[in-house]
């Protein structure tokens, strides 16, 4: 049986990948809308704020990392919660992949 902390870390990485995929998709849709607006001559009505994730977030990024690690450690020690989180992560991954 795999190490519970390893499983929790894998689930956290999957969740991060899902989030990054969502952000990338959102940016692509935004870029397409801007390109369409340029093509049709419509003005661009707002300037998007750059998204800074945990890698470029300074103190916010550090806080997010500490929270993720704490959740991973907590989930790794509670078998019932670990099963619930694993089930949720798999369902979320399947839902995202189906779209």
PDB file of N, CA and C in Angstrom:
ATOM      1  N   UNK A   1       0.856  -1.188   0.000  1.00  0.00           N
ATOM      2  CA  UNK A   1       0.000   0.000   0.000  1.00  0.00           C
ATOM      3  C   UNK A   1       0.891   1.237   0.000  1.00  0.00           C
ATOM      4  N   UNK A   2       0.594   2.200  -0.863  1.00  0.00           N
ATOM      5  CA  UNK A   2       1.422   3.406  -0.937  1.00  0.00           C
ATOM      6  C   UNK A   2       1.359   4.225   0.353  1.00  0.00           C
ATOM      7  N   UNK A   3       2.382   5.005   0.562  1.00  0.00           N
ATOM      8  CA  UNK A   3       2.472   5.876   1.726  1.00  0.00           C
ATOM      9  C   UNK A   3       1.362   6.925   1.662  1.00  0.00           C
ATOM     10  N   UNK A   4       0.576   7.103   2.743  1.00  0.00           N
ATOM     11  CA  UNK A   4      -0.525   8.065   2.721  1.00  0.00           C
ATOM     12  C   UNK A   4      -0.078   9.499   2.431  1.00  0.00           C
ATOM     13  N   UNK A   5       1.073   9.894   2.936  1.00  0.00           N
ATOM     14  CA  UNK A   5       1.526  11.265   2.687  1.00  0.00           C
ATOM     15  C   UNK A   5       1.880  11.439   1.209  1.00  0.00           C
ATOM     16  N   UNK A   6       2.399  10.385   0.579  1.00  0.00           N
ATOM     17  CA  UNK A   6       2.705  10.448  -0.853  1.00  0.00           C
ATOM     18  C   UNK A   6       1.409  10.592  -1.648  1.00  0.00           C
ATOM     19  N   UNK A   7       0.379   9.820  -1.262  1.00  0.00           N
ATOM     20  CA  UNK A   7      -0.916   9.910  -1.946  1.00  0.00           C
ATOM     21  C   UNK A   7      -1.502  11.314  -1.805  1.00  0.00           C
ATOM     22  N   UNK A   8      -1.416  11.864  -0.611  1.00  0.00           N
ATOM     23  CA  UNK A   8      -1.953  13.205  -0.387  1.00  0.00           C
ATOM     24  C   UNK A   8      -1.202  14.228  -1.225  1.00  0.00           C
ATOM     25  N   UNK A   9       0.109  14.083  -1.322  1.00  0.00           N
ATOM     26  CA  UNK A   9       0.900  15.005  -2.128  1.00  0.00           C
ATOM     27  C   UNK A   9       0.516  14.886  -3.606  1.00  0.00           C
ATOM     28  N   UNK A  10       0.287  13.658  -4.071  1.00  0.00           N
ATOM     29  CA  UNK A  10      -0.133  13.448  -5.452  1.00  0.00           C
ATOM     30  C   UNK A  10      -1.483  14.123  -5.709  1.00  0.00           C
ATOM     31  N   UNK A  11      -2.394  14.000  -4.755  1.00  0.00           N
ATOM     32  CA  UNK A  11      -3.707  14.617  -4.905  1.00  0.00           C
ATOM     33  C   UNK A  11      -3.596  16.134  -4.927  1.00  0.00           C
ATOM     34  N   UNK A  12      -2.721  16.677  -4.098  1.00  0.00           N
ATOM     35  CA  UNK A  12      -2.517  18.130  -4.087  1.00  0.00           C
ATOM     36  C   UNK A  12      -1.946  18.590  -5.429  1.00  0.00           C
ATOM     37  N   UNK A  13      -1.030  17.816  -5.982  1.00  0.00           N
ATOM     38  CA  UNK A  13      -0.460  18.164  -7.278  1.00  0.00           C
ATOM     39  C   UNK A  13      -1.519  18.093  -8.373  1.00  0.00           C
ATOM     40  N   UNK A  14      -2.385  17.086  -8.307  1.00  0.00           N
ATOM     41  CA  UNK A  14      -3.468  16.975  -9.293  1.00  0.00           C
ATOM     42  C   UNK A  14      -4.397  18.175  -9.201  1.00  0.00           C
ATOM     43  N   UNK A  15      -4.728  18.577  -7.978  1.00  0.00           N
ATOM     44  CA  UNK A  15      -5.601  19.734  -7.798  1.00  0.00           C
ATOM     45  C   UNK A  15      -4.945  20.993  -8.364  1.00  0.00           C
ATOM     46  N   UNK A  16      -3.644  21.129  -8.146  1.00  0.00           N
ATOM     47  CA  UNK A  16      -2.929  22.298  -8.670  1.00  0.00           C
ATOM     48  C   UNK A  16      -2.936  22.273 -10.200  1.00  0.00           C
ATOM     49  N   UNK A  17      -2.740  21.090 -10.794  1.00  0.00           N
ATOM     50  CA  UNK A  17      -2.753  20.979 -12.248  1.00  0.00           C
ATOM     51  C   UNK A  17      -4.132  21.323 -12.808  1.00  0.00           C
ATOM     52  N   UNK A  18      -5.176  20.895 -12.117  1.00  0.00           N
ATOM     53  CA  UNK A  18      -6.536  21.206 -12.555  1.00  0.00           C
ATOM     54  C   UNK A  18      -6.749  22.716 -12.523  1.00  0.00           C
ATOM     55  N   UNK A  19      -6.299  23.341 -11.437  1.00  0.00           N
ATOM     56  CA  UNK A  19      -6.445  24.788 -11.322  1.00  0.00           C
ATOM     57  C   UNK A  19      -5.670  25.506 -12.420  1.00  0.00           C
ATOM     58  N   UNK A  20      -4.436  25.090 -12.659  1.00  0.00           N
ATOM     59  CA  UNK A  20      -3.626  25.729 -13.690  1.00  0.00           C
ATOM     60  C   UNK A  20      -4.268  25.558 -15.065  1.00  0.00           C
ATOM     61  N   UNK A  21      -4.854  24.397 -15.315  1.00  0.00           N
ATOM     62  CA  UNK A  21      -5.540  24.153 -16.581  1.00  0.00           C
ATOM     63  C   UNK A  21      -6.730  25.104 -16.721  1.00  0.00           C
ATOM     64  N   UNK A  22      -7.467  25.287 -15.630  1.00  0.00           N
ATOM     65  CA  UNK A  22      -8.610  26.188 -15.656  1.00  0.00           C
ATOM     66  C   UNK A  22      -8.160  27.624 -15.940  1.00  0.00           C
ATOM     67  N   UNK A  23      -7.110  28.064 -15.271  1.00  0.00           N
ATOM     68  CA  UNK A  23      -6.605  29.425 -15.480  1.00  0.00           C
ATOM     69  C   UNK A  23      -6.125  29.592 -16.916  1.00  0.00           C
ATOM     70  N   UNK A  24      -5.415  28.586 -17.433  1.00  0.00           N
ATOM     71  CA  UNK A  24      -4.917  28.648 -18.817  1.00  0.00           C
ATOM     72  C   UNK A  24      -6.094  28.742 -19.798  1.00  0.00           C
ATOM     73  N   UNK A  25      -7.140  27.945 -19.558  1.00  0.00           N
ATOM     74  CA  UNK A  25      -8.322  27.975 -20.422  1.00  0.00           C
ATOM     75  C   UNK A  25      -8.979  29.355 -20.364  1.00  0.00           C
ATOM     76  N   UNK A  26      -9.093  29.915 -19.180  1.00  0.00           N
ATOM     77  CA  UNK A  26      -9.696  31.238 -19.019  1.00  0.00           C
ATOM     78  C   UNK A  26      -8.895  32.293 -19.778  1.00  0.00           C
ATOM     79  N   UNK A  27      -7.590  32.229 -19.675  1.00  0.00           N
ATOM     80  CA  UNK A  27      -6.742  33.189 -20.379  1.00  0.00           C
ATOM     81  C   UNK A  27      -6.882  33.043 -21.892  1.00  0.00           C
ATOM     82  N   UNK A  28      -6.960  31.789 -22.369  1.00  0.00           N
ATOM     83  CA  UNK A  28      -7.123  31.564 -23.806  1.00  0.00           C
ATOM     84  C   UNK A  28      -8.444  32.159 -24.298  1.00  0.00           C
ATOM     85  N   UNK A  29      -9.507  31.957 -23.522  1.00  0.00           N
ATOM     86  CA  UNK A  29     -10.802  32.514 -23.911  1.00  0.00           C
ATOM     87  C   UNK A  29     -10.745  34.046 -23.905  1.00  0.00           C
ATOM     88  N   UNK A  30     -10.069  34.612 -22.924  1.00  0.00           N
ATOM     89  CA  UNK A  30      -9.933  36.064 -22.854  1.00  0.00           C
ATOM     90  C   UNK A  30      -9.142  36.584 -24.058  1.00  0.00           C
ATOM     91  N   UNK A  31      -8.054  35.897 -24.388  1.00  0.00           N
ATOM     92  CA  UNK A  31      -7.244  36.309 -25.535  1.00  0.00           C
ATOM     93  C   UNK A  31      -8.042  36.215 -26.841  1.00  0.00           C
ATOM     94  N   UNK A  32      -8.854  35.160 -26.968  1.00  0.00           N
ATOM     95  CA  UNK A  32      -9.670  35.013 -28.172  1.00  0.00           C
ATOM     96  C   UNK A  32     -10.696  36.137 -28.261  1.00  0.00           C
ATOM     97  N   UNK A  33     -11.294  36.498 -27.129  1.00  0.00           N
ATOM     98  CA  UNK A  33     -12.274  37.584 -27.129  1.00  0.00           C
ATOM     99  C   UNK A  33     -11.608  38.906 -27.510  1.00  0.00           C
ATOM    100  N   UNK A  34     -10.403  39.142 -27.011  1.00  0.00           N
ATOM    101  CA  UNK A  34      -9.683  40.366 -27.364  1.00  0.00           C
ATOM    102  C   UNK A  34      -9.342  40.384 -28.849  1.00  0.00           C
ATOM    103  N   UNK A  35      -8.910  39.239 -29.373  1.00  0.00           N
ATOM    104  CA  UNK A  35      -8.575  39.168 -30.803  1.00  0.00           C
ATOM    105  C   UNK A  35      -9.821  39.420 -31.645  1.00  0.00           C
ATOM    106  N   UNK A  36     -10.943  38.875 -31.223  1.00  0.00           N
ATOM    107  CA  UNK A  36     -12.188  39.082 -31.948  1.00  0.00           C
ATOM    108  C   UNK A  36     -12.584  40.561 -31.893  1.00  0.00           C
ATOM    109  N   UNK A  37     -12.422  41.175 -30.725  1.00  0.00           N
ATOM    110  CA  UNK A  37     -12.770  42.588 -30.579  1.00  0.00           C
ATOM    111  C   UNK A  37     -11.880  43.449 -31.483  1.00  0.00           C
ATOM    112  N   UNK A  38     -10.603  43.121 -31.570  1.00  0.00           N
ATOM    113  CA  UNK A  38      -9.704  43.865 -32.448  1.00  0.00           C
ATOM    114  C   UNK A  38     -10.136  43.717 -33.899  1.00  0.00           C
ATOM    115  N   UNK A  39     -10.538  42.508 -34.257  1.00  0.00           N
ATOM    116  CA  UNK A  39     -10.949  42.217 -35.627  1.00  0.00           C
ATOM    117  C   UNK A  39     -12.211  42.993 -36.004  1.00  0.00           C
ATOM    118  N   UNK A  40     -13.132  43.096 -35.051  1.00  0.00           N
ATOM    119  CA  UNK A  40     -14.397  43.779 -35.333  1.00  0.00           C
ATOM    120  C   UNK A  40     -14.327  45.267 -35.044  1.00  0.00           C
ATOM    121  N   UNK A  41     -13.234  45.723 -34.465  1.00  0.00           N
ATOM    122  CA  UNK A  41     -13.076  47.134 -34.167  1.00  0.00           C
ATOM    123  C   UNK A  41     -13.682  47.564 -32.851  1.00  0.00           C
ATOM    124  N   UNK A  42     -14.139  46.622 -32.035  1.00  0.00           N
ATOM    125  CA  UNK A  42     -14.722  46.964 -30.733  1.00  0.00           C
ATOM    126  C   UNK A  42     -13.610  47.367 -29.771  1.00  0.00           C
ATOM    127  N   UNK A  43     -13.860  48.361 -28.935  1.00  0.00           N
ATOM    128  CA  UNK A  43     -12.817  48.784 -27.983  1.00  0.00           C
ATOM    129  C   UNK A  43     -12.650  47.761 -26.866  1.00  0.00           C
ATOM    130  N   UNK A  44     -11.453  47.697 -26.331  1.00  0.00           N
ATOM    131  CA  UNK A  44     -11.177  46.830 -25.182  1.00  0.00           C
ATOM    132  C   UNK A  44     -11.509  47.640 -23.939  1.00  0.00           C
ATOM    133  N   UNK A  45     -12.501  47.213 -23.198  1.00  0.00           N
ATOM    134  CA  UNK A  45     -13.059  48.057 -22.140  1.00  0.00           C
ATOM    135  C   UNK A  45     -12.338  47.940 -20.800  1.00  0.00           C
ATOM    136  N   UNK A  46     -11.514  46.968 -20.610  1.00  0.00           N
ATOM    137  CA  UNK A  46     -10.791  46.872 -19.341  1.00  0.00           C
ATOM    138  C   UNK A  46      -9.423  46.257 -19.557  1.00  0.00           C
ATOM    139  N   UNK A  47      -8.560  46.486 -18.615  1.00  0.00           N
ATOM    140  CA  UNK A  47      -7.222  45.897 -18.658  1.00  0.00           C
ATOM    141  C   UNK A  47      -7.159  44.824 -17.576  1.00  0.00           C
ATOM    142  N   UNK A  48      -6.907  43.567 -17.964  1.00  0.00           N
ATOM    143  CA  UNK A  48      -6.879  42.509 -16.952  1.00  0.00           C
ATOM    144  C   UNK A  48      -5.691  42.674 -16.012  1.00  0.00           C
ATOM    145  N   UNK A  49      -5.908  42.346 -14.765  1.00  0.00           N
ATOM    146  CA  UNK A  49      -4.851  42.374 -13.767  1.00  0.00           C
ATOM    147  C   UNK A  49      -4.054  41.089 -13.911  1.00  0.00           C
ATOM    148  N   UNK A  50      -2.732  41.169 -13.918  1.00  0.00           N
ATOM    149  CA  UNK A  50      -1.955  39.940 -14.059  1.00  0.00           C
ATOM    150  C   UNK A  50      -2.214  38.987 -12.894  1.00  0.00           C
ATOM    151  N   UNK A  51      -2.332  37.721 -13.242  1.00  0.00           N
ATOM    152  CA  UNK A  51      -2.547  36.692 -12.223  1.00  0.00           C
ATOM    153  C   UNK A  51      -1.188  36.242 -11.710  1.00  0.00           C
ATOM    154  N   UNK A  52      -0.961  36.406 -10.416  1.00  0.00           N
ATOM    155  CA  UNK A  52       0.295  35.921  -9.841  1.00  0.00           C
ATOM    156  C   UNK A  52      -0.034  34.743  -8.959  1.00  0.00           C
ATOM    157  N   UNK A  53       0.521  33.607  -9.292  1.00  0.00           N
ATOM    158  CA  UNK A  53       0.276  32.404  -8.522  1.00  0.00           C
ATOM    159  C   UNK A  53       1.228  32.301  -7.356  1.00  0.00           C
ATOM    160  N   UNK A  54       1.287  31.123  -6.769  1.00  0.00           N
ATOM    161  CA  UNK A  54       2.134  30.902  -5.596  1.00  0.00           C
ATOM    162  C   UNK A  54       3.607  31.131  -5.925  1.00  0.00           C
ATOM    163  N   UNK A  55       4.002  30.926  -7.175  1.00  0.00           N
ATOM    164  CA  UNK A  55       5.414  31.089  -7.522  1.00  0.00           C
ATOM    165  C   UNK A  55       5.856  32.547  -7.484  1.00  0.00           C
ATOM    166  N   UNK A  56       4.966  33.480  -7.788  1.00  0.00           N
ATOM    167  CA  UNK A  56       5.363  34.873  -7.829  1.00  0.00           C
ATOM    168  C   UNK A  56       4.638  35.714  -6.809  1.00  0.00           C
ATOM    169  N   UNK A  57       4.022  35.096  -5.820  1.00  0.00           N
ATOM    170  CA  UNK A  57       3.163  35.822  -4.919  1.00  0.00           C
ATOM    171  C   UNK A  57       3.810  36.328  -3.659  1.00  0.00           C
ATOM    172  N   UNK A  58       5.092  36.108  -3.449  1.00  0.00           N
ATOM    173  CA  UNK A  58       5.748  36.591  -2.250  1.00  0.00           C
ATOM    174  C   UNK A  58       5.151  35.976  -1.005  1.00  0.00           C
ATOM    175  N   UNK A  59       4.716  36.830  -0.095  1.00  0.00           N
ATOM    176  CA  UNK A  59       4.149  36.378   1.174  1.00  0.00           C
ATOM    177  C   UNK A  59       2.869  35.575   0.953  1.00  0.00           C
ATOM    178  N   UNK A  60       2.037  36.011  -0.016  1.00  0.00           N
ATOM    179  CA  UNK A  60       0.821  35.246  -0.324  1.00  0.00           C
ATOM    180  C   UNK A  60       1.167  33.838  -0.782  1.00  0.00           C
ATOM    181  N   UNK A  61       2.194  33.733  -1.619  1.00  0.00           N
ATOM    182  CA  UNK A  61       2.612  32.423  -2.108  1.00  0.00           C
ATOM    183  C   UNK A  61       3.114  31.531  -0.992  1.00  0.00           C
ATOM    184  N   UNK A  62       3.867  32.106  -0.081  1.00  0.00           N
ATOM    185  CA  UNK A  62       4.383  31.346   1.054  1.00  0.00           C
ATOM    186  C   UNK A  62       3.236  30.868   1.933  1.00  0.00           C
ATOM    187  N   UNK A  63       2.282  31.742   2.188  1.00  0.00           N
ATOM    188  CA  UNK A  63       1.124  31.374   2.994  1.00  0.00           C
ATOM    189  C   UNK A  63       0.333  30.249   2.322  1.00  0.00           C
ATOM    190  N   UNK A  64       0.140  30.348   1.019  1.00  0.00           N
ATOM    191  CA  UNK A  64      -0.578  29.296   0.285  1.00  0.00           C
ATOM    192  C   UNK A  64       0.162  27.964   0.379  1.00  0.00           C
ATOM    193  N   UNK A  65       1.483  28.015   0.258  1.00  0.00           N
ATOM    194  CA  UNK A  65       2.286  26.792   0.357  1.00  0.00           C
ATOM    195  C   UNK A  65       2.160  26.171   1.748  1.00  0.00           C
ATOM    196  N   UNK A  66       2.223  26.986   2.788  1.00  0.00           N
ATOM    197  CA  UNK A  66       2.101  26.483   4.159  1.00  0.00           C
ATOM    198  C   UNK A  66       0.728  25.847   4.371  1.00  0.00           C
ATOM    199  N   UNK A  67      -0.307  26.475   3.836  1.00  0.00           N
ATOM    200  CA  UNK A  67      -1.657  25.928   3.981  1.00  0.00           C
ATOM    201  C   UNK A  67      -1.783  24.600   3.253  1.00  0.00           C
ATOM    202  N   UNK A  68      -1.244  24.511   2.037  1.00  0.00           N
ATOM    203  CA  UNK A  68      -1.308  23.258   1.272  1.00  0.00           C
ATOM    204  C   UNK A  68      -0.568  22.148   2.011  1.00  0.00           C
ATOM    205  N   UNK A  69       0.608  22.447   2.519  1.00  0.00           N
ATOM    206  CA  UNK A  69       1.385  21.433   3.254  1.00  0.00           C
ATOM    207  C   UNK A  69       0.622  20.989   4.500  1.00  0.00           C
ATOM    208  N   UNK A  70       0.029  21.933   5.235  1.00  0.00           N
ATOM    209  CA  UNK A  70      -0.730  21.576   6.436  1.00  0.00           C
ATOM    210  C   UNK A  70      -1.910  20.678   6.090  1.00  0.00           C
ATOM    211  N   UNK A  71      -2.599  20.983   5.010  1.00  0.00           N
ATOM    212  CA  UNK A  71      -3.739  20.157   4.592  1.00  0.00           C
ATOM    213  C   UNK A  71      -3.272  18.768   4.190  1.00  0.00           C
ATOM    214  N   UNK A  72      -2.171  18.707   3.449  1.00  0.00           N
ATOM    215  CA  UNK A  72      -1.639  17.404   3.020  1.00  0.00           C
ATOM    216  C   UNK A  72      -1.267  16.562   4.230  1.00  0.00           C
ATOM    217  N   UNK A  73      -0.603  17.154   5.204  1.00  0.00           N
ATOM    218  CA  UNK A  73      -0.198  16.407   6.412  1.00  0.00           C
ATOM    219  C   UNK A  73      -1.432  15.959   7.187  1.00  0.00           C
ATOM    220  N   UNK A  74      -2.407  16.841   7.344  1.00  0.00           N
ATOM    221  CA  UNK A  74      -3.626  16.498   8.076  1.00  0.00           C
ATOM    222  C   UNK A  74      -4.380  15.366   7.376  1.00  0.00           C
ATOM    223  N   UNK A  75      -4.532  15.476   6.065  1.00  0.00           N
ATOM    224  CA  UNK A  75      -5.251  14.456   5.304  1.00  0.00           C
ATOM    225  C   UNK A  75      -4.510  13.122   5.368  1.00  0.00           C
ATOM    226  N   UNK A  76      -3.187  13.159   5.353  1.00  0.00           N
ATOM    227  CA  UNK A  76      -2.391  11.926   5.369  1.00  0.00           C
ATOM    228  C   UNK A  76      -2.580  11.163   6.671  1.00  0.00           C
ATOM    229  N   UNK A  77      -2.917  11.846   7.751  1.00  0.00           N
ATOM    230  CA  UNK A  77      -3.041  11.186   9.053  1.00  0.00           C
ATOM    231  C   UNK A  77      -4.455  10.721   9.374  1.00  0.00           C
ATOM    232  N   UNK A  78      -5.437  11.125   8.609  1.00  0.00           N
ATOM    233  CA  UNK A  78      -6.829  10.759   8.868  1.00  0.00           C
ATOM    234  C   UNK A  78      -7.336   9.880   7.719  1.00  0.00           C
ATOM    235  N   UNK A  79      -7.427   8.553   7.931  1.00  0.00           N
ATOM    236  CA  UNK A  79      -7.805   7.647   6.834  1.00  0.00           C
ATOM    237  C   UNK A  79      -9.174   7.958   6.217  1.00  0.00           C
ATOM    238  N   UNK A  80     -10.155   8.303   7.039  1.00  0.00           N
ATOM    239  CA  UNK A  80     -11.488   8.583   6.506  1.00  0.00           C
ATOM    240  C   UNK A  80     -11.468   9.855   5.654  1.00  0.00           C
ATOM    241  N   UNK A  81     -10.797  10.881   6.149  1.00  0.00           N
ATOM    242  CA  UNK A  81     -10.692  12.129   5.398  1.00  0.00           C
ATOM    243  C   UNK A  81      -9.874  11.922   4.130  1.00  0.00           C
ATOM    244  N   UNK A  82      -8.826  11.109   4.232  1.00  0.00           N
ATOM    245  CA  UNK A  82      -7.993  10.823   3.069  1.00  0.00           C
ATOM    246  C   UNK A  82      -8.834  10.177   1.968  1.00  0.00           C
ATOM    247  N   UNK A  83      -9.695   9.240   2.334  1.00  0.00           N
ATOM    248  CA  UNK A  83     -10.557   8.575   1.361  1.00  0.00           C
ATOM    249  C   UNK A  83     -11.541   9.575   0.738  1.00  0.00           C
ATOM    250  N   UNK A  84     -12.087  10.450   1.569  1.00  0.00           N
ATOM    251  CA  UNK A  84     -13.031  11.453   1.081  1.00  0.00           C
ATOM    252  C   UNK A  84     -12.349  12.410   0.108  1.00  0.00           C
ATOM    253  N   UNK A  85     -11.163  12.879   0.466  1.00  0.00           N
ATOM    254  CA  UNK A  85     -10.427  13.810  -0.393  1.00  0.00           C
ATOM    255  C   UNK A  85     -10.032  13.129  -1.699  1.00  0.00           C
ATOM    256  N   UNK A  86      -9.588  11.882  -1.607  1.00  0.00           N
ATOM    257  CA  UNK A  86      -9.209  11.146  -2.808  1.00  0.00           C
ATOM    258  C   UNK A  86     -10.412  10.999  -3.743  1.00  0.00           C
ATOM    259  N   UNK A  87     -11.554  10.666  -3.197  1.00  0.00           N
ATOM    260  CA  UNK A  87     -12.777  10.522  -3.996  1.00  0.00           C
ATOM    261  C   UNK A  87     -13.146  11.859  -4.645  1.00  0.00           C
ATOM    262  N   UNK A  88     -13.086  12.935  -3.870  1.00  0.00           N
ATOM    263  CA  UNK A  88     -13.400  14.270  -4.392  1.00  0.00           C
ATOM    264  C   UNK A  88     -12.436  14.654  -5.511  1.00  0.00           C
ATOM    265  N   UNK A  89     -11.134  14.415  -5.297  1.00  0.00           N
ATOM    266  CA  UNK A  89     -10.130  14.784  -6.300  1.00  0.00           C
ATOM    267  C   UNK A  89     -10.337  14.007  -7.594  1.00  0.00           C
ATOM    268  N   UNK A  90     -10.657  12.730  -7.491  1.00  0.00           N
ATOM    269  CA  UNK A  90     -10.892  11.925  -8.697  1.00  0.00           C
ATOM    270  C   UNK A  90     -12.141  12.392  -9.444  1.00  0.00           C
ATOM    271  N   UNK A  91     -13.204  12.688  -8.698  1.00  0.00           N
ATOM    272  CA  UNK A  91     -14.426  13.188  -9.347  1.00  0.00           C
ATOM    273  C   UNK A  91     -14.178  14.539 -10.011  1.00  0.00           C
ATOM    274  N   UNK A  92     -13.440  15.409  -9.324  1.00  0.00           N
ATOM    275  CA  UNK A  92     -13.128  16.729  -9.898  1.00  0.00           C
ATOM    276  C   UNK A  92     -12.289  16.573 -11.154  1.00  0.00           C
ATOM    277  N   UNK A  93     -11.292  15.712 -11.109  1.00  0.00           N
ATOM    278  CA  UNK A  93     -10.439  15.474 -12.263  1.00  0.00           C
ATOM    279  C   UNK A  93     -11.264  14.922 -13.431  1.00  0.00           C
ATOM    280  N   UNK A  94     -12.138  13.965 -13.161  1.00  0.00           N
ATOM    281  CA  UNK A  94     -12.981  13.392 -14.213  1.00  0.00           C
ATOM    282  C   UNK A  94     -13.921  14.443 -14.795  1.00  0.00           C
ATOM    283  N   UNK A  95     -14.446  15.306 -13.943  1.00  0.00           N
ATOM    284  CA  UNK A  95     -15.344  16.366 -14.414  1.00  0.00           C
ATOM    285  C   UNK A  95     -14.600  17.347 -15.296  1.00  0.00           C
ATOM    286  N   UNK A  96     -13.409  17.741 -14.901  1.00  0.00           N
ATOM    287  CA  UNK A  96     -12.622  18.699 -15.684  1.00  0.00           C
ATOM    288  C   UNK A  96     -12.197  18.083 -17.024  1.00  0.00           C
ATOM    289  N   UNK A  97     -11.814  16.814 -17.001  1.00  0.00           N
ATOM    290  CA  UNK A  97     -11.378  16.152 -18.229  1.00  0.00           C
ATOM    291  C   UNK A  97     -12.538  15.947 -19.192  1.00  0.00           C
ATOM    292  N   UNK A  98     -13.749  15.841 -18.666  1.00  0.00           N
ATOM    293  CA  UNK A  98     -14.896  15.615 -19.555  1.00  0.00           C
ATOM    294  C   UNK A  98     -15.349  16.884 -20.258  1.00  0.00           C
ATOM    295  N   UNK A  99     -14.852  18.031 -19.822  1.00  0.00           N
ATOM    296  CA  UNK A  99     -15.267  19.310 -20.450  1.00  0.00           C
ATOM    297  C   UNK A  99     -14.333  19.707 -21.549  1.00  0.00           C
TER     298      UNK A  99
END
